[in-house]
Amino acid sequence: SVIVCDGKPERVDTIVNGENILTYTSGNIQDLNNQKGNLVNALTDFLLSDELKANDPEVDLLSATSKSQNILEAYPDSEHHILILDTGITTTGALDMTQISIMETSCDEIVNTVSDSIPHLDGTYITFAGLGNVAEPQSEIASTQGQDTLEELWSSILKYGNAELTSQLRYDDSANTAT
C-alpha cells in the first residue's frame, strides 16, 4: 500500500501495469520471484510518479506512518516494512517543525512532546529514503549538521515506536545511492 503523506494522509491503490501489486504479490510466489526485477522497477516508477504528489502542501509523517502500520497489522504473520519517501520535514500534526526548532531543541525533548502521537511499530523495519532532501520552494538544509540532526530526530522517534531502522536512512539523488 502507498500512503500519500500530506496534511491528510490517504491510502492509494498500487496499480502497476494494470496489476494491483497487493493482489499480485499475494499470489503465486514463483511468478513473483521470476518477475521481481520488473516489478521493483515498475513500483519505483509508480512511487516517484506525479500521480502520488500530495494534494495538501503540509506533511504529517507521524499520521502517515501510523496509517501504514495499521495496514501492516492486517498481516500478523508477515515481515513488516515501511519505506518512507520523504524529506523528514513534517509541517503539520503533532510534529510540526514550523513550531519546533530541531536545531535548538533536544531530540529527547521533541520525542517527549510528540510521544502520544508516535505509532507502535513493533518489529517493523523502516527505510527512510530522501531524509534531508528538499525541493523548491523549501530552503535546502544547508549543513550536514542539519541533516544529521534530522536523522537523529527520526531515529529517536522511530526507536520510541519500537521500529528497527534499516541502514539506508538518506538518499542522495545525484549519486543515486543511499547513505
N, C-alpha and C. Protein backbone atom coordinates (compact mmCIF):
# COMPACT_ATOMS: atom_id res chain seq x y z
N SER A 1 0.84 -1.18 0.00
CA SER A 1 0.00 0.00 0.00
C SER A 1 0.88 1.23 0.00
N VAL A 2 0.38 2.29 -0.55
CA VAL A 2 1.09 3.56 -0.59
C VAL A 2 0.22 4.56 0.16
N ILE A 3 0.84 5.31 1.05
CA ILE A 3 0.15 6.39 1.76
C ILE A 3 0.70 7.70 1.22
N VAL A 4 -0.19 8.54 0.67
CA VAL A 4 0.23 9.87 0.24
C VAL A 4 0.28 10.70 1.51
N CYS A 5 1.48 11.18 1.81
CA CYS A 5 1.74 11.78 3.11
C CYS A 5 1.60 13.29 3.05
N ASP A 6 0.36 13.76 3.07
CA ASP A 6 0.18 15.20 3.16
C ASP A 6 -0.52 15.50 4.48
N GLY A 7 -1.14 16.67 4.58
CA GLY A 7 -1.80 17.05 5.82
C GLY A 7 -2.91 16.09 6.21
N LYS A 8 -3.43 15.37 5.24
CA LYS A 8 -4.46 14.36 5.49
C LYS A 8 -4.02 13.08 4.77
N PRO A 9 -3.10 12.31 5.37
CA PRO A 9 -2.58 11.13 4.68
C PRO A 9 -3.68 10.18 4.23
N GLU A 10 -3.53 9.65 3.01
CA GLU A 10 -4.53 8.73 2.49
C GLU A 10 -3.85 7.59 1.75
N ARG A 11 -4.53 6.45 1.73
CA ARG A 11 -4.03 5.27 1.05
C ARG A 11 -4.31 5.40 -0.44
N VAL A 12 -3.37 4.95 -1.25
CA VAL A 12 -3.51 4.95 -2.70
C VAL A 12 -3.39 3.52 -3.19
N ASP A 13 -4.28 3.09 -4.09
CA ASP A 13 -4.15 1.75 -4.67
C ASP A 13 -2.88 1.70 -5.49
N THR A 14 -2.12 0.63 -5.33
CA THR A 14 -0.85 0.50 -6.04
C THR A 14 -1.04 -0.38 -7.28
N ILE A 15 -1.48 0.25 -8.33
CA ILE A 15 -1.70 -0.47 -9.58
C ILE A 15 -0.57 -0.13 -10.54
N VAL A 16 0.15 -1.17 -10.96
CA VAL A 16 1.28 -1.00 -11.86
C VAL A 16 1.06 -1.92 -13.04
N ASN A 17 1.17 -1.37 -14.24
CA ASN A 17 0.97 -2.15 -15.47
C ASN A 17 -0.35 -2.92 -15.44
N GLY A 18 -1.40 -2.29 -14.92
CA GLY A 18 -2.71 -2.92 -14.90
C GLY A 18 -2.89 -3.96 -13.81
N GLU A 19 -1.86 -4.23 -13.03
CA GLU A 19 -1.95 -5.22 -11.95
C GLU A 19 -1.93 -4.52 -10.61
N ASN A 20 -2.82 -4.92 -9.72
CA ASN A 20 -2.77 -4.41 -8.35
C ASN A 20 -1.64 -5.14 -7.64
N ILE A 21 -0.64 -4.40 -7.20
CA ILE A 21 0.54 -5.01 -6.60
C ILE A 21 0.18 -5.84 -5.37
N LEU A 22 -0.76 -5.36 -4.57
CA LEU A 22 -1.12 -6.11 -3.37
C LEU A 22 -1.68 -7.48 -3.74
N THR A 23 -2.59 -7.49 -4.72
CA THR A 23 -3.17 -8.76 -5.15
C THR A 23 -2.10 -9.63 -5.80
N TYR A 24 -1.27 -9.02 -6.63
CA TYR A 24 -0.25 -9.77 -7.35
C TYR A 24 0.75 -10.42 -6.39
N THR A 25 1.22 -9.66 -5.39
CA THR A 25 2.24 -10.20 -4.51
C THR A 25 1.69 -11.26 -3.57
N SER A 26 0.38 -11.28 -3.38
CA SER A 26 -0.17 -12.32 -2.52
C SER A 26 -0.50 -13.58 -3.32
N GLY A 27 -0.19 -13.55 -4.61
CA GLY A 27 -0.47 -14.70 -5.46
C GLY A 27 0.68 -15.68 -5.51
N ASN A 28 1.00 -16.16 -6.68
CA ASN A 28 2.00 -17.19 -6.90
C ASN A 28 3.40 -16.65 -6.62
N ILE A 29 4.08 -17.20 -5.62
CA ILE A 29 5.41 -16.75 -5.24
C ILE A 29 6.42 -16.98 -6.37
N GLN A 30 6.29 -18.07 -7.09
CA GLN A 30 7.20 -18.36 -8.20
C GLN A 30 7.11 -17.27 -9.27
N ASP A 31 5.87 -16.87 -9.61
CA ASP A 31 5.69 -15.78 -10.58
C ASP A 31 6.32 -14.50 -10.08
N LEU A 32 6.12 -14.23 -8.79
CA LEU A 32 6.68 -13.01 -8.22
C LEU A 32 8.20 -13.02 -8.30
N ASN A 33 8.81 -14.14 -7.94
CA ASN A 33 10.28 -14.24 -7.99
C ASN A 33 10.80 -14.10 -9.42
N ASN A 34 10.09 -14.67 -10.39
CA ASN A 34 10.52 -14.59 -11.78
C ASN A 34 10.46 -13.16 -12.32
N GLN A 35 9.54 -12.36 -11.82
CA GLN A 35 9.36 -11.02 -12.35
C GLN A 35 9.73 -9.93 -11.35
N LYS A 36 10.49 -10.28 -10.32
CA LYS A 36 10.81 -9.33 -9.25
C LYS A 36 11.47 -8.07 -9.78
N GLY A 37 12.44 -8.20 -10.66
CA GLY A 37 13.14 -7.02 -11.19
C GLY A 37 12.20 -6.07 -11.89
N ASN A 38 11.36 -6.60 -12.76
CA ASN A 38 10.40 -5.75 -13.47
C ASN A 38 9.41 -5.11 -12.51
N LEU A 39 8.97 -5.88 -11.52
CA LEU A 39 8.02 -5.37 -10.56
C LEU A 39 8.62 -4.26 -9.71
N VAL A 40 9.87 -4.44 -9.28
CA VAL A 40 10.54 -3.41 -8.49
C VAL A 40 10.70 -2.14 -9.31
N ASN A 41 11.10 -2.27 -10.57
CA ASN A 41 11.25 -1.09 -11.44
C ASN A 41 9.91 -0.38 -11.65
N ALA A 42 8.86 -1.16 -11.90
CA ALA A 42 7.53 -0.57 -12.10
C ALA A 42 7.05 0.11 -10.83
N LEU A 43 7.28 -0.52 -9.68
CA LEU A 43 6.85 0.06 -8.42
C LEU A 43 7.63 1.34 -8.12
N THR A 44 8.93 1.34 -8.39
CA THR A 44 9.75 2.53 -8.17
C THR A 44 9.25 3.67 -9.06
N ASP A 45 8.99 3.39 -10.33
CA ASP A 45 8.45 4.41 -11.23
C ASP A 45 7.12 4.96 -10.69
N PHE A 46 6.27 4.05 -10.19
CA PHE A 46 4.98 4.46 -9.64
C PHE A 46 5.17 5.36 -8.42
N LEU A 47 6.07 4.97 -7.52
CA LEU A 47 6.29 5.74 -6.30
C LEU A 47 6.83 7.13 -6.58
N LEU A 48 7.61 7.27 -7.65
CA LEU A 48 8.20 8.56 -7.98
C LEU A 48 7.37 9.35 -9.00
N SER A 49 6.20 8.85 -9.35
CA SER A 49 5.38 9.50 -10.38
C SER A 49 4.64 10.71 -9.84
N ASP A 50 4.19 11.54 -10.77
CA ASP A 50 3.41 12.72 -10.40
C ASP A 50 2.05 12.34 -9.82
N GLU A 51 1.58 11.11 -10.07
CA GLU A 51 0.30 10.67 -9.55
C GLU A 51 0.25 10.71 -8.02
N LEU A 52 1.40 10.58 -7.39
CA LEU A 52 1.43 10.47 -5.93
C LEU A 52 1.74 11.78 -5.23
N LYS A 53 1.78 12.87 -5.96
CA LYS A 53 2.03 14.14 -5.30
C LYS A 53 0.87 14.44 -4.35
N ALA A 54 1.23 14.94 -3.17
CA ALA A 54 0.22 15.25 -2.17
C ALA A 54 -0.69 16.38 -2.65
N ASN A 55 -1.94 16.34 -2.22
CA ASN A 55 -2.89 17.39 -2.57
C ASN A 55 -2.73 18.61 -1.66
N ASP A 56 -2.17 18.38 -0.50
CA ASP A 56 -2.02 19.41 0.52
C ASP A 56 -0.53 19.63 0.73
N PRO A 57 -0.06 20.87 0.76
CA PRO A 57 1.38 21.10 0.91
C PRO A 57 1.92 20.74 2.29
N GLU A 58 1.05 20.57 3.27
CA GLU A 58 1.51 20.23 4.61
C GLU A 58 1.75 18.73 4.71
N VAL A 59 2.71 18.33 5.55
CA VAL A 59 3.09 16.93 5.68
C VAL A 59 2.95 16.49 7.13
N ASP A 60 2.31 15.35 7.34
CA ASP A 60 2.15 14.78 8.68
C ASP A 60 2.67 13.34 8.65
N LEU A 61 3.98 13.18 8.85
CA LEU A 61 4.61 11.86 8.75
C LEU A 61 4.19 10.92 9.85
N LEU A 62 3.93 11.42 11.05
CA LEU A 62 3.51 10.53 12.13
C LEU A 62 2.16 9.88 11.81
N SER A 63 1.22 10.65 11.30
CA SER A 63 -0.08 10.08 10.94
C SER A 63 0.05 9.11 9.77
N ALA A 64 0.89 9.44 8.80
CA ALA A 64 1.07 8.55 7.65
C ALA A 64 1.72 7.24 8.09
N THR A 65 2.71 7.31 8.98
CA THR A 65 3.37 6.10 9.48
C THR A 65 2.38 5.25 10.27
N SER A 66 1.54 5.90 11.04
CA SER A 66 0.52 5.18 11.80
C SER A 66 -0.46 4.46 10.87
N LYS A 67 -0.90 5.14 9.80
CA LYS A 67 -1.79 4.50 8.83
C LYS A 67 -1.11 3.31 8.17
N SER A 68 0.16 3.46 7.86
CA SER A 68 0.91 2.37 7.24
C SER A 68 0.98 1.17 8.19
N GLN A 69 1.26 1.44 9.45
CA GLN A 69 1.34 0.35 10.43
C GLN A 69 -0.01 -0.34 10.59
N ASN A 70 -1.11 0.41 10.55
CA ASN A 70 -2.44 -0.19 10.65
C ASN A 70 -2.68 -1.18 9.52
N ILE A 71 -2.21 -0.84 8.32
CA ILE A 71 -2.36 -1.76 7.19
C ILE A 71 -1.52 -3.01 7.41
N LEU A 72 -0.30 -2.83 7.89
CA LEU A 72 0.59 -3.98 8.12
C LEU A 72 0.06 -4.92 9.19
N GLU A 73 -0.62 -4.39 10.17
CA GLU A 73 -1.15 -5.23 11.25
C GLU A 73 -2.19 -6.22 10.77
N ALA A 74 -2.74 -6.01 9.58
CA ALA A 74 -3.68 -6.97 9.00
C ALA A 74 -2.97 -8.24 8.55
N TYR A 75 -1.64 -8.21 8.53
CA TYR A 75 -0.83 -9.36 8.10
C TYR A 75 0.14 -9.72 9.23
N PRO A 76 -0.36 -10.29 10.33
CA PRO A 76 0.48 -10.52 11.51
C PRO A 76 1.60 -11.53 11.29
N ASP A 77 1.48 -12.41 10.32
CA ASP A 77 2.50 -13.44 10.10
C ASP A 77 3.56 -13.02 9.09
N SER A 78 3.47 -11.82 8.58
CA SER A 78 4.42 -11.33 7.58
C SER A 78 5.45 -10.42 8.22
N GLU A 79 6.61 -10.33 7.57
CA GLU A 79 7.61 -9.35 7.97
C GLU A 79 7.10 -7.99 7.52
N HIS A 80 7.23 -6.99 8.37
CA HIS A 80 6.68 -5.67 8.08
C HIS A 80 7.77 -4.68 7.72
N HIS A 81 7.57 -3.99 6.58
CA HIS A 81 8.50 -2.97 6.11
C HIS A 81 7.71 -1.72 5.73
N ILE A 82 8.25 -0.58 6.10
CA ILE A 82 7.69 0.70 5.65
C ILE A 82 8.83 1.46 4.99
N LEU A 83 8.61 1.89 3.75
CA LEU A 83 9.56 2.72 3.03
C LEU A 83 8.98 4.13 3.01
N ILE A 84 9.69 5.08 3.61
CA ILE A 84 9.24 6.46 3.64
C ILE A 84 10.05 7.25 2.62
N LEU A 85 9.36 7.73 1.58
CA LEU A 85 10.00 8.56 0.57
C LEU A 85 9.64 10.01 0.89
N ASP A 86 10.44 10.60 1.76
CA ASP A 86 10.13 11.95 2.18
C ASP A 86 11.37 12.60 2.76
N THR A 87 11.31 13.91 2.89
CA THR A 87 12.43 14.67 3.43
C THR A 87 12.58 14.52 4.93
N GLY A 88 11.49 14.15 5.61
CA GLY A 88 11.51 14.09 7.06
C GLY A 88 11.13 15.40 7.70
N ILE A 89 10.78 16.38 6.90
CA ILE A 89 10.37 17.69 7.43
C ILE A 89 8.85 17.71 7.47
N THR A 90 8.30 17.55 8.65
CA THR A 90 6.86 17.46 8.80
C THR A 90 6.31 18.81 9.26
N THR A 91 5.23 19.26 8.62
CA THR A 91 4.77 20.63 8.82
C THR A 91 3.35 20.73 9.36
N THR A 92 2.83 19.62 9.85
CA THR A 92 1.51 19.65 10.48
C THR A 92 1.42 18.45 11.41
N GLY A 93 0.36 18.37 12.16
CA GLY A 93 0.21 17.27 13.10
C GLY A 93 1.02 17.51 14.36
N ALA A 94 1.25 16.45 15.12
CA ALA A 94 1.95 16.56 16.41
C ALA A 94 3.38 17.06 16.24
N LEU A 95 4.04 16.61 15.18
CA LEU A 95 5.43 17.01 14.95
C LEU A 95 5.47 18.08 13.87
N ASP A 96 5.08 19.28 14.22
CA ASP A 96 5.04 20.40 13.28
C ASP A 96 6.35 21.16 13.41
N MET A 97 7.24 20.97 12.46
CA MET A 97 8.57 21.57 12.54
C MET A 97 8.57 23.06 12.26
N THR A 98 7.40 23.63 11.93
CA THR A 98 7.33 25.08 11.86
C THR A 98 7.14 25.65 13.27
N GLN A 99 6.78 24.78 14.22
CA GLN A 99 6.57 25.17 15.60
C GLN A 99 7.71 24.72 16.52
N ILE A 100 8.46 23.69 16.09
CA ILE A 100 9.56 23.13 16.88
C ILE A 100 10.85 23.29 16.10
N SER A 101 11.83 23.94 16.67
CA SER A 101 13.13 24.08 16.01
C SER A 101 13.99 22.87 16.36
N ILE A 102 14.25 22.03 15.35
CA ILE A 102 15.04 20.82 15.64
C ILE A 102 16.50 21.14 15.92
N MET A 103 16.95 22.32 15.49
CA MET A 103 18.35 22.70 15.74
C MET A 103 18.53 23.28 17.15
N GLU A 104 17.44 23.71 17.77
CA GLU A 104 17.54 24.35 19.08
C GLU A 104 16.89 23.55 20.20
N THR A 105 16.27 22.41 19.87
CA THR A 105 15.57 21.60 20.86
C THR A 105 16.18 20.20 20.84
N SER A 106 16.38 19.63 22.01
CA SER A 106 16.96 18.28 22.06
C SER A 106 15.98 17.26 21.49
N CYS A 107 16.54 16.21 20.90
CA CYS A 107 15.70 15.14 20.34
C CYS A 107 14.83 14.52 21.42
N ASP A 108 15.40 14.32 22.61
CA ASP A 108 14.62 13.74 23.70
C ASP A 108 13.41 14.60 24.05
N GLU A 109 13.62 15.92 24.05
CA GLU A 109 12.52 16.83 24.37
C GLU A 109 11.43 16.76 23.29
N ILE A 110 11.84 16.69 22.04
CA ILE A 110 10.86 16.59 20.95
C ILE A 110 10.11 15.27 21.02
N VAL A 111 10.84 14.17 21.25
CA VAL A 111 10.19 12.86 21.36
C VAL A 111 9.19 12.86 22.51
N ASN A 112 9.56 13.43 23.65
CA ASN A 112 8.63 13.51 24.78
C ASN A 112 7.39 14.33 24.43
N THR A 113 7.57 15.39 23.66
CA THR A 113 6.45 16.25 23.27
C THR A 113 5.47 15.52 22.36
N VAL A 114 5.97 14.70 21.45
CA VAL A 114 5.10 14.04 20.46
C VAL A 114 4.85 12.56 20.78
N SER A 115 5.29 12.10 21.95
CA SER A 115 5.24 10.66 22.25
C SER A 115 3.85 10.06 22.12
N ASP A 116 2.80 10.80 22.46
CA ASP A 116 1.44 10.27 22.35
C ASP A 116 1.02 10.03 20.90
N SER A 117 1.70 10.67 19.96
CA SER A 117 1.36 10.52 18.54
C SER A 117 2.26 9.55 17.79
N ILE A 118 3.29 9.02 18.46
CA ILE A 118 4.20 8.09 17.79
C ILE A 118 3.54 6.72 17.75
N PRO A 119 3.36 6.17 16.54
CA PRO A 119 2.69 4.86 16.45
C PRO A 119 3.54 3.74 17.01
N HIS A 120 2.87 2.69 17.47
CA HIS A 120 3.58 1.48 17.90
C HIS A 120 3.96 0.72 16.64
N LEU A 121 5.25 0.54 16.44
CA LEU A 121 5.77 -0.04 15.21
C LEU A 121 6.53 -1.33 15.49
N ASP A 122 6.11 -2.05 16.51
CA ASP A 122 6.84 -3.23 16.99
C ASP A 122 7.29 -4.14 15.86
N GLY A 123 8.62 -4.28 15.73
CA GLY A 123 9.19 -5.21 14.77
C GLY A 123 9.13 -4.77 13.32
N THR A 124 8.68 -3.56 13.05
CA THR A 124 8.60 -3.06 11.68
C THR A 124 9.95 -2.49 11.27
N TYR A 125 10.37 -2.80 10.05
CA TYR A 125 11.61 -2.26 9.50
C TYR A 125 11.27 -0.98 8.75
N ILE A 126 11.99 0.09 9.07
CA ILE A 126 11.74 1.39 8.44
C ILE A 126 12.95 1.77 7.60
N THR A 127 12.71 2.11 6.35
CA THR A 127 13.74 2.69 5.49
C THR A 127 13.27 4.09 5.16
N PHE A 128 14.12 5.06 5.41
CA PHE A 128 13.78 6.46 5.22
C PHE A 128 14.59 6.98 4.05
N ALA A 129 14.04 6.93 2.85
CA ALA A 129 14.74 7.40 1.65
C ALA A 129 14.32 8.82 1.35
N GLY A 130 15.28 9.72 1.28
CA GLY A 130 15.00 11.11 0.99
C GLY A 130 15.16 12.01 2.20
N LEU A 131 15.54 11.44 3.34
CA LEU A 131 15.67 12.23 4.56
C LEU A 131 16.65 13.37 4.34
N GLY A 132 16.19 14.59 4.55
CA GLY A 132 17.05 15.76 4.41
C GLY A 132 17.02 16.40 3.04
N ASN A 133 16.53 15.69 2.02
CA ASN A 133 16.43 16.28 0.68
C ASN A 133 15.20 17.17 0.64
N VAL A 134 15.32 18.33 0.06
CA VAL A 134 14.16 19.21 -0.09
C VAL A 134 14.06 19.68 -1.53
N ALA A 135 12.87 20.04 -1.91
CA ALA A 135 12.63 20.58 -3.25
C ALA A 135 12.12 22.00 -3.10
N GLU A 136 12.28 22.78 -4.16
CA GLU A 136 11.76 24.14 -4.12
C GLU A 136 10.26 24.10 -3.91
N PRO A 137 9.65 25.02 -3.22
CA PRO A 137 10.22 26.28 -2.77
C PRO A 137 10.87 26.22 -1.38
N GLN A 138 11.01 25.04 -0.80
CA GLN A 138 11.65 24.95 0.52
C GLN A 138 13.13 25.30 0.40
N SER A 139 13.67 25.84 1.47
CA SER A 139 15.10 26.11 1.52
C SER A 139 15.83 24.81 1.80
N GLU A 140 17.00 24.66 1.18
CA GLU A 140 17.80 23.47 1.44
C GLU A 140 18.26 23.44 2.88
N ILE A 141 18.43 22.23 3.41
CA ILE A 141 19.07 22.10 4.71
C ILE A 141 20.54 22.32 4.43
N ALA A 142 21.03 23.48 4.84
CA ALA A 142 22.33 23.96 4.39
C ALA A 142 23.50 23.14 4.92
N SER A 143 23.36 22.58 6.07
CA SER A 143 24.53 21.95 6.67
C SER A 143 24.35 20.46 6.86
N THR A 144 25.48 19.79 6.87
CA THR A 144 25.46 18.37 7.21
C THR A 144 24.94 18.22 8.63
N GLN A 145 25.24 19.18 9.51
CA GLN A 145 24.76 19.13 10.88
C GLN A 145 23.23 19.11 10.91
N GLY A 146 22.59 19.90 10.05
CA GLY A 146 21.14 19.92 9.98
C GLY A 146 20.59 18.57 9.54
N GLN A 147 21.21 17.96 8.55
CA GLN A 147 20.78 16.64 8.10
C GLN A 147 21.02 15.60 9.19
N ASP A 148 22.15 15.69 9.87
CA ASP A 148 22.44 14.75 10.96
C ASP A 148 21.44 14.90 12.10
N THR A 149 21.05 16.14 12.40
CA THR A 149 20.06 16.38 13.46
C THR A 149 18.71 15.79 13.05
N LEU A 150 18.33 15.96 11.79
CA LEU A 150 17.08 15.40 11.29
C LEU A 150 17.12 13.87 11.37
N GLU A 151 18.24 13.27 11.00
CA GLU A 151 18.39 11.82 11.09
C GLU A 151 18.32 11.35 12.55
N GLU A 152 18.97 12.08 13.45
CA GLU A 152 18.94 11.72 14.87
C GLU A 152 17.51 11.81 15.41
N LEU A 153 16.78 12.84 15.01
CA LEU A 153 15.40 13.01 15.47
C LEU A 153 14.53 11.85 15.03
N TRP A 154 14.56 11.52 13.72
CA TRP A 154 13.70 10.43 13.25
C TRP A 154 14.15 9.08 13.79
N SER A 155 15.44 8.90 13.98
CA SER A 155 15.92 7.67 14.61
C SER A 155 15.35 7.55 16.01
N SER A 156 15.34 8.64 16.75
CA SER A 156 14.80 8.64 18.12
C SER A 156 13.29 8.38 18.13
N ILE A 157 12.58 9.04 17.22
CA ILE A 157 11.13 8.86 17.15
C ILE A 157 10.77 7.42 16.82
N LEU A 158 11.41 6.87 15.79
CA LEU A 158 11.08 5.52 15.36
C LEU A 158 11.54 4.48 16.38
N LYS A 159 12.64 4.74 17.04
CA LYS A 159 13.10 3.84 18.11
C LYS A 159 12.07 3.84 19.24
N TYR A 160 11.51 4.99 19.57
CA TYR A 160 10.48 5.09 20.60
C TYR A 160 9.28 4.21 20.23
N GLY A 161 8.98 4.13 18.94
CA GLY A 161 7.88 3.30 18.46
C GLY A 161 8.25 1.84 18.29
N ASN A 162 9.48 1.46 18.69
CA ASN A 162 10.00 0.09 18.62
C ASN A 162 10.18 -0.41 17.19
N ALA A 163 10.49 0.50 16.28
CA ALA A 163 10.81 0.11 14.91
C ALA A 163 12.28 -0.25 14.82
N GLU A 164 12.61 -1.05 13.84
CA GLU A 164 14.00 -1.37 13.55
C GLU A 164 14.38 -0.61 12.29
N LEU A 165 15.33 0.30 12.43
CA LEU A 165 15.73 1.12 11.30
C LEU A 165 16.71 0.38 10.41
N THR A 166 16.52 0.50 9.12
CA THR A 166 17.50 -0.06 8.20
C THR A 166 18.67 0.91 8.13
N SER A 167 19.75 0.47 7.55
CA SER A 167 20.94 1.34 7.47
C SER A 167 20.79 2.41 6.41
N GLN A 168 19.79 2.29 5.54
CA GLN A 168 19.60 3.28 4.48
C GLN A 168 18.64 4.35 4.95
N LEU A 169 19.18 5.42 5.51
CA LEU A 169 18.34 6.48 6.04
C LEU A 169 18.28 7.69 5.14
N ARG A 170 19.31 7.91 4.34
CA ARG A 170 19.34 9.08 3.47
C ARG A 170 19.52 8.64 2.03
N TYR A 171 18.90 9.35 1.14
CA TYR A 171 19.04 9.04 -0.27
C TYR A 171 19.64 10.23 -0.99
N ASP A 172 20.75 10.02 -1.66
CA ASP A 172 21.43 11.07 -2.41
C ASP A 172 21.07 10.89 -3.87
N ASP A 173 20.14 11.69 -4.37
CA ASP A 173 19.64 11.52 -5.72
C ASP A 173 20.70 11.73 -6.78
N SER A 174 21.66 12.61 -6.52
CA SER A 174 22.68 12.87 -7.54
C SER A 174 23.57 11.65 -7.76
N ALA A 175 23.85 10.91 -6.71
CA ALA A 175 24.68 9.71 -6.84
C ALA A 175 23.81 8.47 -7.02
N ASN A 176 22.49 8.65 -6.83
CA ASN A 176 21.55 7.54 -6.95
C ASN A 176 21.89 6.41 -6.00
N THR A 177 22.36 6.77 -4.82
CA THR A 177 22.70 5.77 -3.82
C THR A 177 22.20 6.20 -2.46
N ALA A 178 21.93 5.23 -1.61
CA ALA A 178 21.54 5.54 -0.24
C ALA A 178 22.79 5.62 0.61
N THR A 179 22.75 6.51 1.60
CA THR A 179 23.88 6.64 2.51
C THR A 179 23.41 6.48 3.94
